Amino acid sequence: MLKLPKIAFIFNFITPYRLSFFEKLCSYQEYEWLVIHGKKEKEDGRPAYTGVLQFPNISVNYFETRIGPFDVRWQKGVFTKIREWKPDVLITLGIPSILSNWLAMHLAHRQGAKTITWHCGWEAQAGNPYSLPIKHWMAKRYLSLVDHTLVYSTKGAAYLAELQNGRSENITVCYNGLEIEPILEREGEYRIRGLLLREQEQVDKKKIFLYVGGMLTEKQVPLLLKAFNDLSERENAVLWLVGDGPDLSKAKQLAETLKVRNIKFWGRVIEDVDIFFAAADYFVLPGVGGLALNQALFWGLPCVVSEADGTEDDLVLEGETGFRFLSKNADSLRRVLQKCLALSDEQRISMGAAGRSLVFERSNVNEMVKTFLVAIQQLTK
């Protein structure tokens, strides 16, 4: 019997939006698959999937703590599982703070395996002059253990190449993608329910600015509240915020303090969140993030963004699929929101169509899986 190459994937924890990626990737029968993932216990506004996983997997305990400006993570049992299973290719997340990944990659190499890391290509402490050099040093060391790197964006690829002294031959852009097939199946339903939601909320003739994401410090929701509150055309606009997290109460308190009108906090919505995208006119990402841009573009929403996770440079093209504002600058964001309100419906729809094409052509799960398989095939020849 022909022995299939073994592919092990170490993931921090499985989120709902990654389910179809793993299901599709692990469905390729040319390989034997194993996804090792943590069990999430801490509530931080990023929900983990809690149902039955339909792909080969094993869960391990996931620990996380804070040391100064750094998060330090560990997945207990990963080392033992890699030693026992002996993969031919080990795939990790490009997060050097997951210390167990270092040991797993060292062990994999000693066992003759190749390694791939999946990197977002940006740093949360990009503006911190003290922690950033340490993070760069850690990232360089981490990348030195990797045979190939897959990265979310062209901006991320350039960043990682710079860390490797200009070496880019082992870096491939794998656009962070949205699973569009189940949304397509229900698109007509969602559009009808989106129209009904607008009627229910009595905002038929107003433009809806939508935010969907965690209520976390790095998401910069207070910035959006301040910018929206300063809109001179605010009577013609509505702001909807969908999401939950540790900073939700602070955001609500700020809205009350500022006496922001025409806004609504919807809380966490996981099932059928596409109804909100179908109902909205524009999507705003005031801080970091990524896949929400893909989802908004799928629904034909021009996007407003500054610096997110690097994917914005590939997705939000100034004046074509959305607008950019200066990072952490409420006045700049306000001016961009006004620019949106000044667009005609024809201009808005045209921008939305251009963004939707990007998602269909390259930024979707099917294209991600293809890119992963090419990288794996190259290492298992």
Protein backbone atom coordinates (compact mmCIF):
# COMPACT_ATOMS: atom_id res chain seq x y z
CA MET A 1 0.00 0.00 0.00
CA LEU A 2 1.36 3.41 -1.01
CA LYS A 3 2.27 5.53 1.99
CA LEU A 4 0.75 9.01 1.80
CA PRO A 5 2.79 12.06 2.85
CA LYS A 6 1.70 13.24 6.30
CA ILE A 7 0.77 16.90 6.74
CA ALA A 8 0.36 18.28 10.28
CA PHE A 9 -1.09 21.73 10.90
CA ILE A 10 -0.65 23.40 14.30
CA PHE A 11 -3.31 26.06 14.86
CA ASN A 12 -3.93 28.15 17.97
CA PHE A 13 -7.71 27.53 18.00
CA ILE A 14 -10.36 26.93 15.35
CA THR A 15 -12.56 29.92 14.55
CA PRO A 16 -15.88 29.58 12.70
CA TYR A 17 -14.53 31.40 9.64
CA ARG A 18 -11.69 28.85 9.22
CA LEU A 19 -13.86 25.74 9.27
CA SER A 20 -14.38 25.44 5.52
CA PHE A 21 -10.69 26.11 4.83
CA PHE A 22 -9.63 23.10 6.92
CA GLU A 23 -12.48 20.95 5.60
CA LYS A 24 -11.51 21.63 1.99
CA LEU A 25 -7.76 21.38 2.53
CA CYS A 26 -8.03 18.09 4.43
CA SER A 27 -10.35 16.62 1.79
CA TYR A 28 -7.43 16.13 -0.60
CA GLN A 29 -6.76 12.42 -0.44
CA GLU A 30 -3.21 12.61 -1.77
CA TYR A 31 -2.13 13.35 1.82
CA GLU A 32 -2.79 12.22 5.36
CA TRP A 33 -3.86 15.18 7.48
CA LEU A 34 -3.83 16.14 11.15
CA VAL A 35 -4.85 19.51 12.58
CA ILE A 36 -3.57 20.09 16.12
CA HIS A 37 -5.43 22.94 17.76
CA GLY A 38 -5.87 24.55 21.14
CA LYS A 39 -8.99 24.72 23.27
CA LYS A 40 -9.92 28.32 23.88
CA GLU A 41 -11.06 29.29 27.36
CA LYS A 42 -10.39 33.05 27.52
CA GLU A 43 -13.12 35.37 26.23
CA ASP A 44 -11.50 38.12 24.16
CA GLY A 45 -14.14 38.95 21.54
CA ARG A 46 -12.83 36.39 19.04
CA PRO A 47 -15.13 33.38 19.37
CA ALA A 48 -13.82 29.84 18.82
CA TYR A 49 -15.85 27.11 17.13
CA THR A 50 -17.36 24.71 19.67
CA GLY A 51 -19.05 22.13 17.46
CA VAL A 52 -17.84 18.85 15.95
CA LEU A 53 -14.95 19.29 13.52
CA GLN A 54 -15.28 17.45 10.20
CA PHE A 55 -11.57 16.92 9.58
CA PRO A 56 -8.81 14.90 11.31
CA ASN A 57 -7.91 16.82 14.44
CA ILE A 58 -6.72 16.63 18.00
CA SER A 59 -7.11 19.29 20.68
CA VAL A 60 -4.47 20.32 23.20
CA ASN A 61 -4.45 22.74 26.10
CA TYR A 62 -3.71 26.31 25.07
CA PHE A 63 -2.11 28.74 27.54
CA GLU A 64 -1.62 32.46 27.14
CA THR A 65 -0.17 35.11 29.43
CA ARG A 66 1.07 38.68 29.22
CA ILE A 67 4.68 39.68 29.93
CA GLY A 68 5.15 43.42 29.52
CA PRO A 69 4.01 44.38 26.00
CA PHE A 70 4.15 40.77 24.77
CA ASP A 71 1.70 37.89 24.72
CA VAL A 72 3.35 34.53 25.42
CA ARG A 73 1.56 31.35 24.34
CA TRP A 74 2.07 27.62 24.75
CA GLN A 75 0.23 24.54 23.49
CA LYS A 76 0.82 21.59 25.80
CA GLY A 77 1.19 18.25 24.08
CA VAL A 78 2.18 19.51 20.63
CA PHE A 79 5.78 18.29 20.94
CA THR A 80 4.68 14.77 21.91
CA LYS A 81 2.17 14.55 19.08
CA ILE A 82 4.72 15.63 16.44
CA ARG A 83 7.25 13.14 17.78
CA GLU A 84 4.70 10.31 17.60
CA TRP A 85 3.00 11.20 14.31
CA LYS A 86 6.19 12.12 12.36
CA PRO A 87 4.76 14.45 9.68
CA ASP A 88 6.48 14.99 6.35
CA VAL A 89 5.37 18.65 6.36
CA LEU A 90 4.60 20.69 9.45
CA ILE A 91 2.57 23.89 9.05
CA THR A 92 2.51 26.48 11.83
CA LEU A 93 1.10 29.93 12.28
CA GLY A 94 3.63 32.73 11.84
CA ILE A 95 3.28 33.80 15.47
CA PRO A 96 6.66 33.60 17.25
CA SER A 97 4.98 34.11 20.62
CA ILE A 98 3.57 30.57 20.41
CA LEU A 99 6.71 29.12 21.97
CA SER A 100 5.68 25.49 21.52
CA ASN A 101 5.86 26.00 17.74
CA TRP A 102 9.63 26.57 17.97
CA LEU A 103 10.16 23.18 19.57
CA ALA A 104 7.76 21.51 17.15
CA MET A 105 9.63 22.90 14.13
CA HIS A 106 13.03 21.92 15.54
CA LEU A 107 11.75 18.41 16.14
CA ALA A 108 10.14 18.18 12.70
CA HIS A 109 13.42 19.10 11.03
CA ARG A 110 15.29 16.50 13.08
CA GLN A 111 12.78 13.93 11.87
CA GLY A 112 13.41 14.96 8.26
CA ALA A 113 10.25 17.01 7.75
CA LYS A 114 9.81 20.30 5.91
CA THR A 115 8.13 23.30 7.50
CA ILE A 116 5.69 25.95 6.31
CA THR A 117 4.48 28.92 8.29
CA TRP A 118 1.30 30.90 7.61
CA HIS A 119 2.02 34.54 8.44
CA CYS A 120 -0.26 37.57 8.45
CA GLY A 121 2.72 39.84 7.71
CA TRP A 122 2.20 42.64 10.22
CA GLU A 123 3.06 43.46 13.83
CA ALA A 124 0.66 44.68 16.50
CA GLN A 125 3.43 46.77 18.08
CA ALA A 126 4.46 48.40 14.80
CA GLY A 127 4.58 51.83 16.43
CA ASN A 128 6.36 50.80 19.65
CA PRO A 129 10.07 51.72 19.47
CA TYR A 130 10.94 49.45 22.40
CA SER A 131 9.09 46.22 21.65
CA LEU A 132 9.34 46.33 17.86
CA PRO A 133 13.10 45.55 17.63
CA ILE A 134 12.56 42.55 19.90
CA LYS A 135 9.66 41.37 17.76
CA HIS A 136 11.78 41.78 14.62
CA TRP A 137 14.58 39.72 16.15
CA MET A 138 12.12 37.00 17.17
CA ALA A 139 10.48 37.01 13.74
CA LYS A 140 13.84 36.66 11.96
CA ARG A 141 14.81 33.72 14.14
CA TYR A 142 11.39 32.13 13.66
CA LEU A 143 11.55 32.50 9.87
CA SER A 144 14.99 30.92 9.83
CA LEU A 145 13.33 27.64 10.93
CA VAL A 146 10.90 27.68 8.01
CA ASP A 147 11.32 26.15 4.55
CA HIS A 148 8.46 28.14 3.03
CA THR A 149 6.25 31.04 4.13
CA LEU A 150 2.69 31.78 3.05
CA VAL A 151 1.59 35.33 3.81
CA TYR A 152 -1.77 37.14 3.68
CA SER A 153 -0.82 40.05 1.42
CA THR A 154 1.71 41.65 -0.90
CA LYS A 155 2.47 44.17 1.83
CA GLY A 156 3.14 41.31 4.23
CA ALA A 157 5.38 39.57 1.70
CA ALA A 158 7.52 42.71 1.36
CA TYR A 159 7.76 43.01 5.14
CA LEU A 160 8.89 39.41 5.58
CA ALA A 161 11.39 39.69 2.72
CA GLU A 162 12.90 42.72 4.46
CA LEU A 163 13.28 40.71 7.66
CA GLN A 164 15.17 38.09 5.64
CA ASN A 165 17.58 40.63 4.14
CA GLY A 166 15.69 40.84 0.88
CA ARG A 167 15.21 37.09 0.37
CA SER A 168 11.78 36.46 -1.11
CA GLU A 169 12.18 33.18 -3.01
CA ASN A 170 10.63 31.17 -0.16
CA ILE A 171 7.65 33.53 0.28
CA THR A 172 4.29 33.12 -1.48
CA VAL A 173 1.33 35.46 -1.19
CA CYS A 174 -1.75 33.51 -0.14
CA TYR A 175 -4.53 36.09 -0.07
CA ASN A 176 -6.55 35.76 3.11
CA GLY A 177 -9.87 34.53 1.81
CA LEU A 178 -13.56 34.38 2.56
CA GLU A 179 -15.73 31.29 2.14
CA ILE A 180 -18.20 32.53 -0.46
CA GLU A 181 -20.07 29.36 -1.49
CA PRO A 182 -22.60 29.15 1.39
CA ILE A 183 -23.19 32.90 1.16
CA LEU A 184 -23.86 32.62 -2.56
CA GLU A 185 -26.43 29.91 -1.89
CA ARG A 186 -28.40 32.26 0.37
CA GLU A 187 -27.54 35.59 -1.24
CA GLY A 188 -31.07 36.27 -2.46
CA GLU A 189 -32.52 35.52 0.98
CA TYR A 190 -29.97 37.74 2.71
CA ARG A 191 -30.67 40.64 0.37
CA ILE A 192 -34.40 40.44 1.05
CA ARG A 193 -33.83 40.21 4.80
CA GLY A 194 -31.42 43.13 4.57
CA LEU A 195 -34.09 45.28 2.94
CA LEU A 196 -36.61 44.23 5.60
CA LEU A 197 -34.10 45.14 8.31
CA ARG A 198 -33.70 48.62 6.84
CA GLU A 199 -37.48 49.03 6.86
CA GLN A 200 -37.75 47.70 10.41
CA GLU A 201 -35.12 50.17 11.61
CA GLN A 202 -36.71 52.98 9.57
CA VAL A 203 -33.48 53.88 7.80
CA ASP A 204 -34.65 53.37 4.22
CA LYS A 205 -33.42 56.70 2.91
CA LYS A 206 -30.25 56.93 5.01
CA LYS A 207 -26.78 55.58 4.31
CA ILE A 208 -25.69 52.86 6.71
CA PHE A 209 -22.06 52.72 7.81
CA LEU A 210 -21.38 49.25 9.21
CA TYR A 211 -18.69 47.95 11.56
CA VAL A 212 -18.46 44.23 12.27
CA GLY A 213 -15.74 42.93 14.58
CA GLY A 214 -14.54 42.52 18.13
CA MET A 215 -14.87 45.29 20.66
CA LEU A 216 -11.15 45.38 21.44
CA THR A 217 -8.67 48.21 21.97
CA GLU A 218 -6.82 47.55 18.71
CA LYS A 219 -10.07 47.77 16.74
CA GLN A 220 -10.26 51.53 17.41
CA VAL A 221 -14.05 51.67 17.77
CA PRO A 222 -13.89 54.91 19.85
CA LEU A 223 -12.17 56.56 16.88
CA LEU A 224 -15.12 55.64 14.69
CA LEU A 225 -17.61 56.95 17.24
CA LYS A 226 -15.82 60.32 17.43
CA ALA A 227 -15.52 60.64 13.66
CA PHE A 228 -19.17 59.75 13.08
CA ASN A 229 -20.30 62.14 15.81
CA ASP A 230 -18.51 65.01 14.03
CA LEU A 231 -20.21 64.40 10.67
CA SER A 232 -22.04 67.52 9.52
CA GLU A 233 -24.32 65.30 7.38
CA ARG A 234 -25.03 62.93 10.27
CA GLU A 235 -28.80 63.20 9.82
CA ASN A 236 -28.43 61.37 6.50
CA ALA A 237 -26.34 58.56 7.97
CA VAL A 238 -26.60 55.70 10.46
CA LEU A 239 -23.81 53.79 12.19
CA TRP A 240 -24.34 50.12 13.05
CA LEU A 241 -21.83 48.29 15.22
CA VAL A 242 -21.97 44.50 15.31
CA GLY A 243 -19.69 42.71 17.74
CA ASP A 244 -18.83 41.97 21.34
CA GLY A 245 -15.77 41.98 23.52
CA PRO A 246 -14.16 43.40 26.65
CA ASP A 247 -14.39 47.02 25.43
CA LEU A 248 -18.07 46.99 24.50
CA SER A 249 -19.20 48.75 27.68
CA LYS A 250 -16.54 51.43 27.21
CA ALA A 251 -17.69 52.06 23.66
CA LYS A 252 -21.30 52.40 24.80
CA GLN A 253 -20.30 54.78 27.58
CA LEU A 254 -18.35 56.92 25.12
CA ALA A 255 -21.34 57.04 22.77
CA GLU A 256 -23.51 58.21 25.65
CA THR A 257 -20.95 60.82 26.74
CA LEU A 258 -20.64 62.19 23.22
CA LYS A 259 -24.42 61.94 22.77
CA VAL A 260 -23.89 60.26 19.43
CA ARG A 261 -27.14 60.04 17.50
CA ASN A 262 -28.20 57.58 14.79
CA ILE A 263 -26.09 54.69 16.06
CA LYS A 264 -26.98 51.20 17.25
CA PHE A 265 -24.95 48.51 19.01
CA TRP A 266 -26.18 45.09 17.91
CA GLY A 267 -23.88 42.95 20.06
CA ARG A 268 -22.38 39.67 18.88
CA VAL A 269 -23.95 38.14 15.79
CA ILE A 270 -22.46 34.96 14.29
CA GLU A 271 -25.34 33.24 12.51
CA ASP A 272 -26.63 35.19 9.49
CA VAL A 273 -24.40 38.21 10.08
CA ASP A 274 -24.51 38.65 6.29
CA ILE A 275 -27.94 40.24 6.71
CA PHE A 276 -26.20 43.31 8.13
CA PHE A 277 -23.75 43.46 5.23
CA ALA A 278 -26.66 43.09 2.78
CA ALA A 279 -28.47 45.96 4.50
CA ALA A 280 -25.52 48.37 4.69
CA ASP A 281 -24.11 50.89 2.21
CA TYR A 282 -20.52 51.22 3.44
CA PHE A 283 -18.19 49.24 5.67
CA VAL A 284 -15.77 50.93 8.08
CA LEU A 285 -12.76 49.26 9.69
CA PRO A 286 -11.28 51.87 12.04
CA GLY A 287 -8.42 49.70 13.36
CA VAL A 288 -6.88 46.29 12.75
CA GLY A 289 -8.75 43.48 11.07
CA GLY A 290 -8.89 41.63 7.80
CA LEU A 291 -11.55 39.16 6.72
CA ALA A 292 -14.38 41.58 7.44
CA LEU A 293 -13.09 43.59 4.47
CA ASN A 294 -13.49 40.53 2.25
CA GLN A 295 -17.02 39.99 3.48
CA ALA A 296 -17.95 43.63 2.92
CA LEU A 297 -16.50 43.61 -0.59
CA PHE A 298 -18.40 40.42 -1.41
CA TRP A 299 -21.59 42.34 -0.61
CA GLY A 300 -20.55 45.26 -2.81
CA LEU A 301 -19.81 47.67 0.02
CA PRO A 302 -17.10 50.27 -0.55
CA CYS A 303 -14.72 49.99 2.41
CA VAL A 304 -13.16 52.66 4.62
CA VAL A 305 -9.88 51.60 6.25
CA SER A 306 -6.47 52.87 7.38
CA GLU A 307 -3.96 50.21 8.48
CA ALA A 308 -5.50 46.82 9.18
CA ASP A 309 -3.50 43.62 8.70
CA GLY A 310 -1.80 44.40 5.38
CA THR A 311 -4.57 42.93 3.24
CA GLU A 312 -6.12 46.39 2.89
CA ASP A 313 -3.49 47.34 0.31
CA ASP A 314 -4.69 44.50 -1.95
CA LEU A 315 -8.39 45.02 -1.30
CA VAL A 316 -9.18 48.68 -0.64
CA LEU A 317 -7.95 50.62 -3.66
CA GLU A 318 -8.37 54.37 -3.22
CA GLY A 319 -11.36 55.62 -5.16
CA GLU A 320 -11.90 52.21 -6.80
CA THR A 321 -13.12 49.86 -4.07
CA GLY A 322 -13.12 52.25 -1.10
CA PHE A 323 -11.20 54.99 0.66
CA ARG A 324 -8.24 55.19 3.03
CA PHE A 325 -7.80 57.47 6.05
CA LEU A 326 -4.83 58.33 8.24
CA SER A 327 -4.30 55.81 11.02
CA LYS A 328 -5.75 56.81 14.42
CA ASN A 329 -6.87 60.18 13.02
CA ALA A 330 -10.53 60.88 13.75
CA ASP A 331 -10.64 64.01 11.59
CA SER A 332 -9.22 62.12 8.61
CA LEU A 333 -11.81 59.38 9.13
CA ARG A 334 -14.59 61.98 9.37
CA ARG A 335 -13.55 63.51 6.04
CA VAL A 336 -13.61 60.10 4.38
CA LEU A 337 -17.07 59.36 5.76
CA GLN A 338 -18.23 62.67 4.29
CA LYS A 339 -16.64 61.69 0.97
CA CYS A 340 -18.73 58.51 1.05
CA LEU A 341 -21.93 60.45 1.66
CA ALA A 342 -21.11 62.70 -1.28
CA LEU A 343 -21.04 59.77 -3.73
CA SER A 344 -23.98 59.15 -5.99
CA ASP A 345 -25.69 55.77 -5.80
CA GLU A 346 -24.22 54.95 -9.21
CA GLN A 347 -20.68 55.69 -7.99
CA ARG A 348 -21.18 53.66 -4.82
CA ILE A 349 -22.56 50.67 -6.74
CA SER A 350 -19.71 50.82 -9.27
CA MET A 351 -17.10 50.79 -6.48
CA GLY A 352 -18.90 47.91 -4.83
CA ALA A 353 -18.87 45.85 -8.03
CA ALA A 354 -15.11 46.33 -8.39
CA GLY A 355 -14.53 45.13 -4.84
CA ARG A 356 -16.78 42.10 -5.31
CA SER A 357 -14.71 41.06 -8.33
CA LEU A 358 -11.54 41.00 -6.20
CA VAL A 359 -13.12 38.56 -3.78
CA PHE A 360 -14.37 36.26 -6.53
CA GLU A 361 -11.08 36.27 -8.43
CA ARG A 362 -8.53 35.73 -5.66
CA SER A 363 -9.52 36.44 -2.05
CA ASN A 364 -11.59 33.36 -1.27
CA VAL A 365 -11.08 30.02 0.46
CA ASN A 366 -10.86 27.99 -2.76
CA GLU A 367 -7.89 30.06 -3.94
CA MET A 368 -6.27 29.78 -0.49
CA VAL A 369 -6.50 26.00 -0.59
CA LYS A 370 -4.96 25.91 -4.07
CA THR A 371 -2.01 28.02 -2.89
CA PHE A 372 -1.45 25.79 0.16
CA LEU A 373 -1.50 22.66 -1.96
CA VAL A 374 1.07 24.07 -4.40
CA ALA A 375 3.42 24.88 -1.49
CA ILE A 376 2.95 21.41 0.01
CA GLN A 377 3.50 19.70 -3.33
CA GLN A 378 6.77 21.57 -3.82
CA LEU A 379 8.06 20.34 -0.46
CA THR A 380 6.96 16.72 -0.89
CA LYS A 381 8.33 16.07 -4.37
